[in-house]
N, C-alpha and C. Protein backbone atom coordinates (compact mmCIF):
# COMPACT_ATOMS: atom_id res chain seq x y z
N MET A 1 12.54 0.59 -9.39
CA MET A 1 11.38 1.14 -8.72
C MET A 1 11.84 2.14 -7.66
N LYS A 2 11.37 3.36 -7.81
CA LYS A 2 11.68 4.40 -6.83
C LYS A 2 10.43 4.62 -5.99
N ILE A 3 10.56 4.48 -4.67
CA ILE A 3 9.44 4.63 -3.75
C ILE A 3 9.62 5.92 -2.96
N VAL A 4 8.65 6.82 -3.08
CA VAL A 4 8.72 8.12 -2.41
C VAL A 4 7.63 8.18 -1.33
N PRO A 5 7.98 8.07 -0.04
CA PRO A 5 6.99 8.29 1.02
C PRO A 5 6.59 9.77 1.04
N LEU A 6 5.31 10.05 1.05
CA LEU A 6 4.82 11.42 1.04
C LEU A 6 4.47 11.87 2.46
N LYS A 7 4.56 13.16 2.70
CA LYS A 7 4.29 13.70 4.04
C LYS A 7 2.79 13.71 4.31
N LYS A 8 2.45 13.53 5.60
CA LYS A 8 1.05 13.57 6.03
C LYS A 8 0.72 14.94 6.61
N SER A 9 -0.52 15.33 6.47
CA SER A 9 -0.98 16.59 7.06
C SER A 9 -0.97 16.46 8.58
N PRO A 10 -0.41 17.43 9.28
CA PRO A 10 -0.45 17.39 10.74
C PRO A 10 -1.83 17.72 11.29
N ALA A 11 -2.72 18.25 10.44
CA ALA A 11 -4.04 18.69 10.90
C ALA A 11 -5.15 17.67 10.66
N THR A 12 -4.86 16.60 9.92
CA THR A 12 -5.89 15.64 9.53
C THR A 12 -5.43 14.22 9.83
N TYR A 13 -6.35 13.40 10.34
CA TYR A 13 -6.03 11.98 10.52
C TYR A 13 -6.01 11.33 9.14
N SER A 14 -4.86 10.87 8.71
CA SER A 14 -4.71 10.32 7.38
C SER A 14 -3.69 9.19 7.39
N CYS A 15 -3.66 8.45 6.32
CA CYS A 15 -2.72 7.35 6.19
C CYS A 15 -1.41 7.83 5.57
N CYS A 16 -0.45 6.94 5.52
CA CYS A 16 0.78 7.19 4.77
C CYS A 16 0.50 6.91 3.29
N SER A 17 0.96 7.81 2.44
CA SER A 17 0.81 7.66 0.99
C SER A 17 2.19 7.47 0.38
N TYR A 18 2.25 6.68 -0.69
CA TYR A 18 3.53 6.39 -1.34
C TYR A 18 3.39 6.57 -2.84
N LEU A 19 4.35 7.26 -3.43
CA LEU A 19 4.40 7.44 -4.88
C LEU A 19 5.49 6.53 -5.43
N ILE A 20 5.13 5.70 -6.41
CA ILE A 20 6.06 4.77 -7.03
C ILE A 20 6.38 5.27 -8.43
N LEU A 21 7.66 5.47 -8.70
CA LEU A 21 8.11 6.01 -9.98
C LEU A 21 9.07 5.04 -10.65
N GLY A 22 9.21 5.21 -11.95
CA GLY A 22 10.20 4.45 -12.72
C GLY A 22 11.25 5.39 -13.28
N GLY A 23 11.65 5.16 -14.51
CA GLY A 23 12.64 6.00 -15.16
C GLY A 23 12.06 7.35 -15.56
N TRP A 24 12.89 8.38 -15.50
CA TRP A 24 12.43 9.73 -15.78
C TRP A 24 11.94 9.90 -17.22
N ASN A 25 12.55 9.16 -18.17
CA ASN A 25 12.22 9.37 -19.58
C ASN A 25 11.61 8.14 -20.25
N ARG A 26 11.13 7.16 -19.48
CA ARG A 26 10.51 5.97 -20.08
C ARG A 26 8.99 6.11 -20.00
N MET A 27 8.35 6.25 -21.15
CA MET A 27 6.92 6.52 -21.19
C MET A 27 6.07 5.32 -20.76
N ASP A 28 6.62 4.10 -20.83
CA ASP A 28 5.81 2.94 -20.46
C ASP A 28 5.83 2.66 -18.96
N ASP A 29 6.67 3.39 -18.20
CA ASP A 29 6.63 3.27 -16.74
C ASP A 29 5.36 3.96 -16.24
N VAL A 30 4.78 3.43 -15.16
CA VAL A 30 3.47 3.90 -14.69
C VAL A 30 3.62 4.53 -13.30
N ASN A 31 3.52 5.85 -13.24
CA ASN A 31 3.56 6.55 -11.95
C ASN A 31 2.33 6.14 -11.14
N THR A 32 2.58 5.59 -9.95
CA THR A 32 1.52 4.95 -9.17
C THR A 32 1.49 5.50 -7.76
N LEU A 33 0.31 5.88 -7.30
CA LEU A 33 0.12 6.34 -5.94
C LEU A 33 -0.59 5.26 -5.14
N VAL A 34 0.02 4.85 -4.03
CA VAL A 34 -0.63 3.90 -3.13
C VAL A 34 -1.29 4.70 -2.01
N ASP A 35 -2.62 4.68 -1.98
CA ASP A 35 -3.45 5.34 -0.97
C ASP A 35 -3.29 6.87 -0.97
N PRO A 36 -4.30 7.60 -1.45
CA PRO A 36 -4.19 9.06 -1.51
C PRO A 36 -4.37 9.76 -0.17
N GLY A 37 -4.88 9.08 0.83
CA GLY A 37 -5.07 9.71 2.13
C GLY A 37 -6.43 10.38 2.26
N ALA A 38 -6.56 11.23 3.30
CA ALA A 38 -7.86 11.76 3.69
C ALA A 38 -8.20 13.12 3.08
N ASP A 39 -7.23 13.77 2.47
CA ASP A 39 -7.49 15.11 1.94
C ASP A 39 -6.56 15.38 0.76
N ASP A 40 -6.41 16.67 0.39
CA ASP A 40 -5.57 17.01 -0.76
C ASP A 40 -4.16 17.44 -0.36
N TYR A 41 -3.75 17.11 0.85
CA TYR A 41 -2.48 17.59 1.39
C TYR A 41 -1.28 17.19 0.53
N ILE A 42 -1.32 16.01 -0.07
CA ILE A 42 -0.15 15.50 -0.81
C ILE A 42 0.00 16.11 -2.21
N LEU A 43 -0.99 16.84 -2.69
CA LEU A 43 -0.95 17.30 -4.08
C LEU A 43 0.25 18.20 -4.38
N ASP A 44 0.51 19.16 -3.52
CA ASP A 44 1.63 20.08 -3.76
C ASP A 44 2.96 19.35 -3.77
N GLU A 45 3.11 18.39 -2.87
CA GLU A 45 4.36 17.62 -2.82
C GLU A 45 4.54 16.80 -4.10
N ILE A 46 3.48 16.17 -4.56
CA ILE A 46 3.56 15.39 -5.80
C ILE A 46 3.94 16.30 -6.97
N ARG A 47 3.33 17.47 -7.05
CA ARG A 47 3.63 18.40 -8.15
C ARG A 47 5.09 18.85 -8.13
N ALA A 48 5.70 18.86 -6.96
CA ALA A 48 7.09 19.33 -6.83
C ALA A 48 8.12 18.24 -7.13
N ILE A 49 7.67 16.99 -7.25
CA ILE A 49 8.58 15.87 -7.51
C ILE A 49 8.77 15.71 -9.01
N SER A 50 9.97 15.40 -9.43
CA SER A 50 10.23 15.12 -10.84
C SER A 50 9.71 13.71 -11.15
N THR A 51 8.56 13.66 -11.81
CA THR A 51 7.89 12.38 -12.04
C THR A 51 8.03 11.87 -13.48
N GLY A 52 8.83 12.55 -14.29
CA GLY A 52 9.09 12.04 -15.63
C GLY A 52 8.71 13.02 -16.71
N PHE A 53 9.51 13.05 -17.73
CA PHE A 53 9.31 13.96 -18.85
C PHE A 53 8.05 13.60 -19.61
N GLY A 54 7.13 14.54 -19.74
CA GLY A 54 5.91 14.33 -20.51
C GLY A 54 4.92 13.37 -19.89
N LYS A 55 5.08 13.06 -18.60
CA LYS A 55 4.21 12.09 -17.95
C LYS A 55 3.31 12.77 -16.92
N GLN A 56 2.13 12.18 -16.72
CA GLN A 56 1.28 12.63 -15.62
C GLN A 56 1.96 12.25 -14.30
N PRO A 57 1.97 13.15 -13.32
CA PRO A 57 2.59 12.81 -12.04
C PRO A 57 2.00 11.56 -11.39
N VAL A 58 0.69 11.37 -11.54
CA VAL A 58 0.03 10.15 -11.05
C VAL A 58 -0.83 9.61 -12.18
N GLU A 59 -0.50 8.39 -12.62
CA GLU A 59 -1.28 7.77 -13.70
C GLU A 59 -2.29 6.76 -13.17
N GLN A 60 -1.98 6.18 -12.00
CA GLN A 60 -2.94 5.28 -11.37
C GLN A 60 -2.81 5.36 -9.86
N VAL A 61 -3.93 5.10 -9.20
CA VAL A 61 -3.99 5.02 -7.74
C VAL A 61 -4.42 3.61 -7.37
N ILE A 62 -3.73 3.02 -6.40
CA ILE A 62 -4.14 1.72 -5.88
C ILE A 62 -4.55 1.93 -4.42
N LEU A 63 -5.76 1.49 -4.09
CA LEU A 63 -6.27 1.58 -2.72
C LEU A 63 -6.01 0.26 -2.00
N THR A 64 -5.42 0.34 -0.81
CA THR A 64 -5.19 -0.90 -0.06
C THR A 64 -6.47 -1.37 0.64
N HIS A 65 -7.41 -0.48 0.85
CA HIS A 65 -8.75 -0.81 1.33
C HIS A 65 -9.57 0.47 1.31
N ASN A 66 -10.86 0.34 1.61
CA ASN A 66 -11.78 1.45 1.38
C ASN A 66 -12.16 2.20 2.66
N HIS A 67 -11.22 2.48 3.54
CA HIS A 67 -11.52 3.30 4.73
C HIS A 67 -11.22 4.76 4.44
N PHE A 68 -11.95 5.65 5.12
CA PHE A 68 -11.93 7.09 4.80
C PHE A 68 -10.53 7.70 4.85
N ASP A 69 -9.69 7.24 5.78
CA ASP A 69 -8.37 7.86 5.92
C ASP A 69 -7.42 7.48 4.79
N HIS A 70 -7.84 6.52 3.98
CA HIS A 70 -7.05 6.11 2.81
C HIS A 70 -7.66 6.59 1.50
N THR A 71 -8.95 6.95 1.51
CA THR A 71 -9.65 7.20 0.24
C THR A 71 -10.29 8.57 0.09
N SER A 72 -10.47 9.31 1.17
CA SER A 72 -11.22 10.58 1.07
C SER A 72 -10.53 11.61 0.17
N GLY A 73 -9.22 11.50 0.02
CA GLY A 73 -8.50 12.42 -0.86
C GLY A 73 -8.55 12.04 -2.33
N LEU A 74 -9.21 10.93 -2.64
CA LEU A 74 -9.24 10.44 -4.01
C LEU A 74 -9.84 11.43 -5.01
N PRO A 75 -10.98 12.09 -4.72
CA PRO A 75 -11.53 13.03 -5.70
C PRO A 75 -10.54 14.15 -6.06
N ALA A 76 -9.79 14.65 -5.09
CA ALA A 76 -8.83 15.73 -5.36
C ALA A 76 -7.69 15.23 -6.24
N VAL A 77 -7.20 14.02 -5.98
CA VAL A 77 -6.11 13.45 -6.78
C VAL A 77 -6.60 13.18 -8.21
N ARG A 78 -7.79 12.66 -8.33
CA ARG A 78 -8.35 12.40 -9.67
C ARG A 78 -8.55 13.68 -10.45
N SER A 79 -9.05 14.70 -9.78
CA SER A 79 -9.28 15.98 -10.43
C SER A 79 -7.96 16.60 -10.89
N ALA A 80 -6.92 16.45 -10.07
CA ALA A 80 -5.63 17.06 -10.38
C ALA A 80 -4.90 16.33 -11.50
N PHE A 81 -4.99 14.99 -11.54
CA PHE A 81 -4.13 14.23 -12.44
C PHE A 81 -4.86 13.34 -13.45
N GLY A 82 -6.18 13.21 -13.32
CA GLY A 82 -6.93 12.40 -14.27
C GLY A 82 -6.55 10.93 -14.25
N CYS A 83 -6.17 10.41 -13.10
CA CYS A 83 -5.67 9.03 -12.98
C CYS A 83 -6.80 8.03 -12.87
N ARG A 84 -6.47 6.77 -13.17
CA ARG A 84 -7.43 5.69 -12.95
C ARG A 84 -7.22 5.12 -11.56
N VAL A 85 -8.25 4.43 -11.04
CA VAL A 85 -8.24 3.96 -9.66
C VAL A 85 -8.49 2.45 -9.64
N LEU A 86 -7.65 1.75 -8.88
CA LEU A 86 -7.75 0.30 -8.75
C LEU A 86 -7.95 -0.05 -7.28
N ALA A 87 -8.85 -1.00 -7.01
CA ALA A 87 -9.13 -1.43 -5.64
C ALA A 87 -9.63 -2.87 -5.67
N TYR A 88 -9.62 -3.50 -4.51
CA TYR A 88 -10.05 -4.90 -4.43
C TYR A 88 -11.57 -5.05 -4.51
N ARG A 89 -12.28 -4.00 -4.13
CA ARG A 89 -13.75 -4.00 -4.21
C ARG A 89 -14.21 -2.78 -4.99
N GLN A 90 -15.35 -2.93 -5.62
CA GLN A 90 -15.95 -1.80 -6.33
C GLN A 90 -16.36 -0.74 -5.31
N GLY A 91 -16.24 0.51 -5.68
CA GLY A 91 -16.61 1.61 -4.80
C GLY A 91 -16.60 2.90 -5.60
N PRO A 92 -16.91 4.03 -4.94
CA PRO A 92 -16.94 5.31 -5.65
C PRO A 92 -15.60 5.62 -6.31
N GLY A 93 -15.63 5.86 -7.61
CA GLY A 93 -14.43 6.25 -8.34
C GLY A 93 -13.51 5.12 -8.74
N VAL A 94 -13.86 3.87 -8.44
CA VAL A 94 -13.00 2.74 -8.78
C VAL A 94 -13.21 2.35 -10.24
N ASP A 95 -12.10 2.31 -11.00
CA ASP A 95 -12.16 1.95 -12.42
C ASP A 95 -11.91 0.47 -12.68
N GLU A 96 -11.13 -0.16 -11.81
CA GLU A 96 -10.78 -1.57 -12.03
C GLU A 96 -10.75 -2.30 -10.70
N VAL A 97 -11.42 -3.44 -10.65
CA VAL A 97 -11.42 -4.28 -9.46
C VAL A 97 -10.27 -5.28 -9.58
N LEU A 98 -9.46 -5.34 -8.54
CA LEU A 98 -8.28 -6.20 -8.53
C LEU A 98 -8.62 -7.60 -8.01
N HIS A 99 -7.72 -8.53 -8.30
CA HIS A 99 -7.90 -9.91 -7.86
C HIS A 99 -6.65 -10.40 -7.16
N ASP A 100 -6.85 -11.32 -6.23
CA ASP A 100 -5.73 -11.90 -5.51
C ASP A 100 -4.73 -12.52 -6.49
N ARG A 101 -3.45 -12.25 -6.25
CA ARG A 101 -2.32 -12.74 -7.03
C ARG A 101 -2.11 -12.02 -8.37
N GLN A 102 -2.96 -11.06 -8.68
CA GLN A 102 -2.81 -10.28 -9.92
C GLN A 102 -1.55 -9.43 -9.86
N PHE A 103 -0.88 -9.27 -10.99
CA PHE A 103 0.27 -8.37 -11.10
C PHE A 103 -0.14 -7.08 -11.79
N ILE A 104 0.36 -5.96 -11.28
CA ILE A 104 0.06 -4.63 -11.81
C ILE A 104 1.38 -3.92 -12.08
N ARG A 105 1.48 -3.31 -13.24
CA ARG A 105 2.66 -2.49 -13.53
C ARG A 105 2.64 -1.26 -12.63
N ALA A 106 3.77 -0.97 -11.99
CA ALA A 106 3.89 0.21 -11.12
C ALA A 106 5.32 0.71 -11.23
N GLY A 107 5.49 1.98 -11.60
CA GLY A 107 6.82 2.47 -11.88
C GLY A 107 7.39 1.69 -13.05
N ASP A 108 8.61 1.19 -12.89
CA ASP A 108 9.24 0.39 -13.95
C ASP A 108 9.23 -1.10 -13.61
N ASP A 109 8.35 -1.49 -12.69
CA ASP A 109 8.33 -2.87 -12.22
C ASP A 109 6.88 -3.32 -12.03
N PHE A 110 6.69 -4.35 -11.22
CA PHE A 110 5.36 -4.90 -11.00
C PHE A 110 5.10 -5.08 -9.51
N LEU A 111 3.82 -4.93 -9.14
CA LEU A 111 3.33 -5.24 -7.81
C LEU A 111 2.39 -6.42 -7.92
N GLN A 112 2.45 -7.32 -6.93
CA GLN A 112 1.49 -8.41 -6.87
C GLN A 112 0.46 -8.09 -5.79
N VAL A 113 -0.81 -8.25 -6.15
CA VAL A 113 -1.91 -8.03 -5.21
C VAL A 113 -2.05 -9.26 -4.33
N LEU A 114 -2.06 -9.04 -3.01
CA LEU A 114 -2.25 -10.12 -2.05
C LEU A 114 -3.43 -9.78 -1.16
N HIS A 115 -4.50 -10.54 -1.25
CA HIS A 115 -5.67 -10.29 -0.41
C HIS A 115 -5.33 -10.70 1.02
N THR A 116 -5.44 -9.74 1.95
CA THR A 116 -5.05 -9.99 3.35
C THR A 116 -6.16 -9.50 4.28
N PRO A 117 -7.30 -10.19 4.31
CA PRO A 117 -8.39 -9.75 5.18
C PRO A 117 -7.97 -9.83 6.65
N GLY A 118 -8.54 -8.97 7.44
CA GLY A 118 -8.20 -8.91 8.86
C GLY A 118 -8.59 -7.54 9.37
N HIS A 119 -7.93 -6.53 8.87
CA HIS A 119 -8.31 -5.15 9.21
C HIS A 119 -9.66 -4.83 8.59
N SER A 120 -9.86 -5.27 7.35
CA SER A 120 -11.14 -5.16 6.66
C SER A 120 -11.22 -6.30 5.66
N SER A 121 -12.42 -6.59 5.18
CA SER A 121 -12.58 -7.72 4.26
C SER A 121 -11.97 -7.45 2.89
N ASP A 122 -11.76 -6.16 2.56
CA ASP A 122 -11.19 -5.82 1.26
C ASP A 122 -9.72 -5.41 1.34
N SER A 123 -9.08 -5.65 2.48
CA SER A 123 -7.67 -5.26 2.64
C SER A 123 -6.76 -6.06 1.72
N ILE A 124 -5.82 -5.34 1.12
CA ILE A 124 -4.78 -5.99 0.33
C ILE A 124 -3.42 -5.45 0.74
N CYS A 125 -2.40 -6.27 0.49
CA CYS A 125 -1.02 -5.81 0.51
C CYS A 125 -0.55 -5.83 -0.94
N LEU A 126 0.46 -5.04 -1.22
CA LEU A 126 1.06 -5.00 -2.55
C LEU A 126 2.52 -5.38 -2.40
N TYR A 127 2.93 -6.44 -3.10
CA TYR A 127 4.27 -6.98 -2.95
C TYR A 127 5.09 -6.72 -4.21
N ALA A 128 6.25 -6.11 -4.04
CA ALA A 128 7.18 -5.85 -5.15
C ALA A 128 8.31 -6.86 -5.04
N PRO A 129 8.25 -7.98 -5.75
CA PRO A 129 9.27 -9.03 -5.59
C PRO A 129 10.69 -8.56 -5.86
N ALA A 130 10.89 -7.79 -6.93
CA ALA A 130 12.25 -7.37 -7.28
C ALA A 130 12.85 -6.46 -6.22
N ALA A 131 12.03 -5.61 -5.62
CA ALA A 131 12.50 -4.69 -4.58
C ALA A 131 12.43 -5.30 -3.19
N GLU A 132 11.83 -6.50 -3.08
CA GLU A 132 11.61 -7.17 -1.79
C GLU A 132 10.90 -6.21 -0.84
N ALA A 133 9.86 -5.55 -1.36
CA ALA A 133 9.14 -4.53 -0.60
C ALA A 133 7.66 -4.88 -0.52
N LEU A 134 7.06 -4.54 0.61
CA LEU A 134 5.65 -4.79 0.85
C LEU A 134 4.96 -3.49 1.25
N PHE A 135 3.88 -3.14 0.54
CA PHE A 135 3.02 -2.05 0.94
C PHE A 135 1.87 -2.71 1.69
N SER A 136 1.84 -2.52 3.01
CA SER A 136 0.96 -3.34 3.84
C SER A 136 -0.38 -2.69 4.13
N GLY A 137 -0.60 -1.42 3.74
CA GLY A 137 -1.86 -0.78 4.08
C GLY A 137 -2.08 -0.85 5.58
N ASP A 138 -3.28 -1.25 6.00
CA ASP A 138 -3.56 -1.39 7.43
C ASP A 138 -3.57 -2.85 7.88
N THR A 139 -3.07 -3.74 7.05
CA THR A 139 -2.93 -5.13 7.50
C THR A 139 -1.95 -5.15 8.67
N PRO A 140 -2.33 -5.71 9.81
CA PRO A 140 -1.44 -5.69 10.98
C PRO A 140 -0.19 -6.55 10.75
N VAL A 141 0.93 -5.90 10.50
CA VAL A 141 2.18 -6.62 10.26
C VAL A 141 3.15 -6.46 11.43
N ARG A 142 2.79 -5.62 12.39
CA ARG A 142 3.67 -5.39 13.54
C ARG A 142 2.82 -5.46 14.82
N VAL A 143 2.51 -6.67 15.23
CA VAL A 143 1.74 -6.89 16.46
C VAL A 143 2.74 -7.18 17.57
N ARG A 144 2.68 -6.36 18.63
CA ARG A 144 3.68 -6.48 19.69
C ARG A 144 3.14 -7.16 20.94
N GLY A 145 1.87 -6.90 21.26
CA GLY A 145 1.32 -7.42 22.51
C GLY A 145 0.49 -8.67 22.30
N GLU A 146 0.62 -9.61 23.21
CA GLU A 146 -0.17 -10.84 23.13
C GLU A 146 -1.58 -10.61 23.66
N GLY A 147 -2.44 -11.59 23.39
CA GLY A 147 -3.78 -11.56 23.96
C GLY A 147 -4.86 -11.07 23.03
N GLY A 148 -4.52 -10.70 21.81
CA GLY A 148 -5.53 -10.26 20.87
C GLY A 148 -6.33 -11.43 20.31
N SER A 149 -7.36 -11.09 19.56
CA SER A 149 -8.18 -12.09 18.89
C SER A 149 -8.00 -11.91 17.38
N TYR A 150 -7.72 -13.01 16.69
CA TYR A 150 -7.38 -12.93 15.27
C TYR A 150 -8.19 -13.95 14.49
N THR A 151 -8.66 -13.54 13.31
CA THR A 151 -9.44 -14.45 12.47
C THR A 151 -8.51 -15.45 11.78
N GLU A 152 -9.09 -16.54 11.37
CA GLU A 152 -8.33 -17.55 10.64
C GLU A 152 -7.83 -16.98 9.32
N GLU A 153 -8.65 -16.14 8.68
CA GLU A 153 -8.24 -15.51 7.42
C GLU A 153 -6.99 -14.66 7.60
N TYR A 154 -6.96 -13.88 8.69
CA TYR A 154 -5.79 -13.03 8.95
C TYR A 154 -4.56 -13.88 9.23
N ARG A 155 -4.71 -14.93 10.04
CA ARG A 155 -3.56 -15.79 10.35
C ARG A 155 -3.01 -16.43 9.07
N ALA A 156 -3.91 -16.86 8.19
CA ALA A 156 -3.47 -17.47 6.93
C ALA A 156 -2.76 -16.43 6.05
N ALA A 157 -3.29 -15.20 6.03
CA ALA A 157 -2.65 -14.14 5.24
C ALA A 157 -1.27 -13.82 5.79
N LEU A 158 -1.14 -13.77 7.11
CA LEU A 158 0.15 -13.48 7.73
C LEU A 158 1.17 -14.58 7.43
N GLN A 159 0.74 -15.83 7.49
CA GLN A 159 1.64 -16.94 7.14
C GLN A 159 2.08 -16.84 5.68
N ARG A 160 1.18 -16.43 4.84
CA ARG A 160 1.50 -16.26 3.42
C ARG A 160 2.57 -15.19 3.24
N LEU A 161 2.43 -14.05 3.94
CA LEU A 161 3.41 -12.99 3.84
C LEU A 161 4.78 -13.45 4.36
N CYS A 162 4.77 -14.28 5.39
CA CYS A 162 6.03 -14.76 5.97
C CYS A 162 6.78 -15.70 5.02
N GLY A 163 6.11 -16.17 3.98
CA GLY A 163 6.76 -17.04 3.00
C GLY A 163 7.41 -16.27 1.86
N LEU A 164 7.36 -14.94 1.91
CA LEU A 164 7.90 -14.11 0.84
C LEU A 164 9.23 -13.50 1.25
N LYS A 165 10.01 -13.09 0.27
CA LYS A 165 11.25 -12.36 0.53
C LYS A 165 10.89 -10.89 0.70
N ILE A 166 10.86 -10.44 1.94
CA ILE A 166 10.46 -9.06 2.23
C ILE A 166 11.55 -8.41 3.08
N ARG A 167 12.15 -7.37 2.53
CA ARG A 167 13.16 -6.61 3.26
C ARG A 167 12.58 -5.30 3.78
N LYS A 168 11.72 -4.65 2.97
CA LYS A 168 11.16 -3.36 3.33
C LYS A 168 9.65 -3.49 3.49
N ILE A 169 9.11 -2.75 4.47
CA ILE A 169 7.66 -2.68 4.65
C ILE A 169 7.25 -1.21 4.69
N PHE A 170 6.30 -0.86 3.82
CA PHE A 170 5.75 0.49 3.78
C PHE A 170 4.31 0.40 4.29
N SER A 171 4.15 0.81 5.55
CA SER A 171 2.89 0.63 6.26
C SER A 171 1.92 1.76 6.00
N GLY A 172 0.65 1.51 6.29
CA GLY A 172 -0.37 2.54 6.14
C GLY A 172 -0.31 3.62 7.19
N HIS A 173 0.36 3.36 8.33
CA HIS A 173 0.40 4.37 9.39
C HIS A 173 1.74 4.46 10.11
N ASP A 174 2.53 3.41 10.13
CA ASP A 174 3.81 3.42 10.83
C ASP A 174 4.93 3.92 9.92
N GLU A 175 6.08 4.20 10.53
CA GLU A 175 7.27 4.53 9.77
C GLU A 175 7.69 3.31 8.93
N PRO A 176 8.25 3.53 7.73
CA PRO A 176 8.69 2.39 6.93
C PRO A 176 9.77 1.57 7.63
N VAL A 177 9.74 0.27 7.39
CA VAL A 177 10.82 -0.63 7.80
C VAL A 177 11.71 -0.77 6.57
N LEU A 178 12.94 -0.28 6.65
CA LEU A 178 13.81 -0.26 5.47
C LEU A 178 14.76 -1.45 5.41
N ASP A 179 14.78 -2.26 6.45
CA ASP A 179 15.55 -3.50 6.44
C ASP A 179 14.98 -4.40 7.54
N GLY A 180 15.00 -5.71 7.30
CA GLY A 180 14.51 -6.64 8.31
C GLY A 180 13.01 -6.82 8.33
N GLY A 181 12.35 -6.56 7.20
CA GLY A 181 10.90 -6.69 7.14
C GLY A 181 10.40 -8.09 7.45
N LEU A 182 11.08 -9.10 6.94
CA LEU A 182 10.63 -10.48 7.19
C LEU A 182 10.72 -10.81 8.67
N GLU A 183 11.76 -10.33 9.35
CA GLU A 183 11.89 -10.58 10.77
C GLU A 183 10.72 -9.95 11.54
N VAL A 184 10.29 -8.75 11.12
CA VAL A 184 9.12 -8.11 11.74
C VAL A 184 7.88 -8.99 11.57
N LEU A 185 7.69 -9.50 10.37
CA LEU A 185 6.52 -10.35 10.10
C LEU A 185 6.58 -11.66 10.89
N LEU A 186 7.75 -12.25 10.98
CA LEU A 186 7.88 -13.52 11.71
C LEU A 186 7.62 -13.31 13.20
N ARG A 187 8.05 -12.18 13.76
CA ARG A 187 7.76 -11.89 15.17
C ARG A 187 6.26 -11.71 15.38
N THR A 188 5.61 -11.03 14.44
CA THR A 188 4.16 -10.86 14.53
C THR A 188 3.45 -12.20 14.47
N LEU A 189 3.87 -13.05 13.55
CA LEU A 189 3.25 -14.38 13.44
C LEU A 189 3.41 -15.16 14.75
N GLU A 190 4.58 -15.05 15.36
CA GLU A 190 4.81 -15.75 16.63
C GLU A 190 3.87 -15.24 17.71
N VAL A 191 3.70 -13.91 17.80
CA VAL A 191 2.79 -13.32 18.79
C VAL A 191 1.36 -13.78 18.53
N VAL A 192 0.94 -13.77 17.29
CA VAL A 192 -0.43 -14.17 16.93
C VAL A 192 -0.65 -15.65 17.26
N GLN A 193 0.32 -16.50 16.97
CA GLN A 193 0.17 -17.93 17.26
C GLN A 193 0.15 -18.18 18.77
N ARG A 194 0.94 -17.44 19.54
CA ARG A 194 0.92 -17.58 21.00
C ARG A 194 -0.43 -17.14 21.55
N SER A 195 -1.01 -16.11 20.94
CA SER A 195 -2.31 -15.61 21.41
C SER A 195 -3.42 -16.65 21.22
N GLU A 196 -3.25 -17.50 20.19
CA GLU A 196 -4.25 -18.56 19.94
C GLU A 196 -4.29 -19.55 21.08
N THR A 197 -3.13 -19.82 21.67
CA THR A 197 -3.06 -20.86 22.71
C THR A 197 -3.17 -20.30 24.11
N ALA A 198 -3.22 -18.95 24.23
CA ALA A 198 -3.27 -18.34 25.57
C ALA A 198 -4.65 -18.53 26.21
């Protein structure tokens, strides 16, 4: 699984987008875009990447949730590449509704859908077990300050993530964590649990 973080427009409030690729010449690998962002800024960069011989640069898009900064660029990506769209909830342009614990082919590997409500009721993370990587969307995985208020659903989702082998975290807005992802999650869980008793 090759993960390509895409650049964000400096002029638009947008999320981080990630392109997942497999082998250059394997037709059954599925070029996958996680969150298209708020506009068409990423299209030129995607077109410039070697995404595979005879393959569409983007064959599917997975939305981590349905907020504008993650989804407004979807019509442009669909128009450019004719890709299908997967999300946890039905919405404009969604072709397939995902389910918790479902596995999806992405690149030359698989992602597991993990429902992680907290930021929004339809928030998901995508976990790549073989790569020990987590695409966290806007699920709060790096909470630094105490004193916040957290739902029971979010605390349960965070505990669930802490039980996985996670080395890398690809966030919806922060710089990627390329090593020590589980330690980041465990520190966040500790802060959240301390906030409960404060």
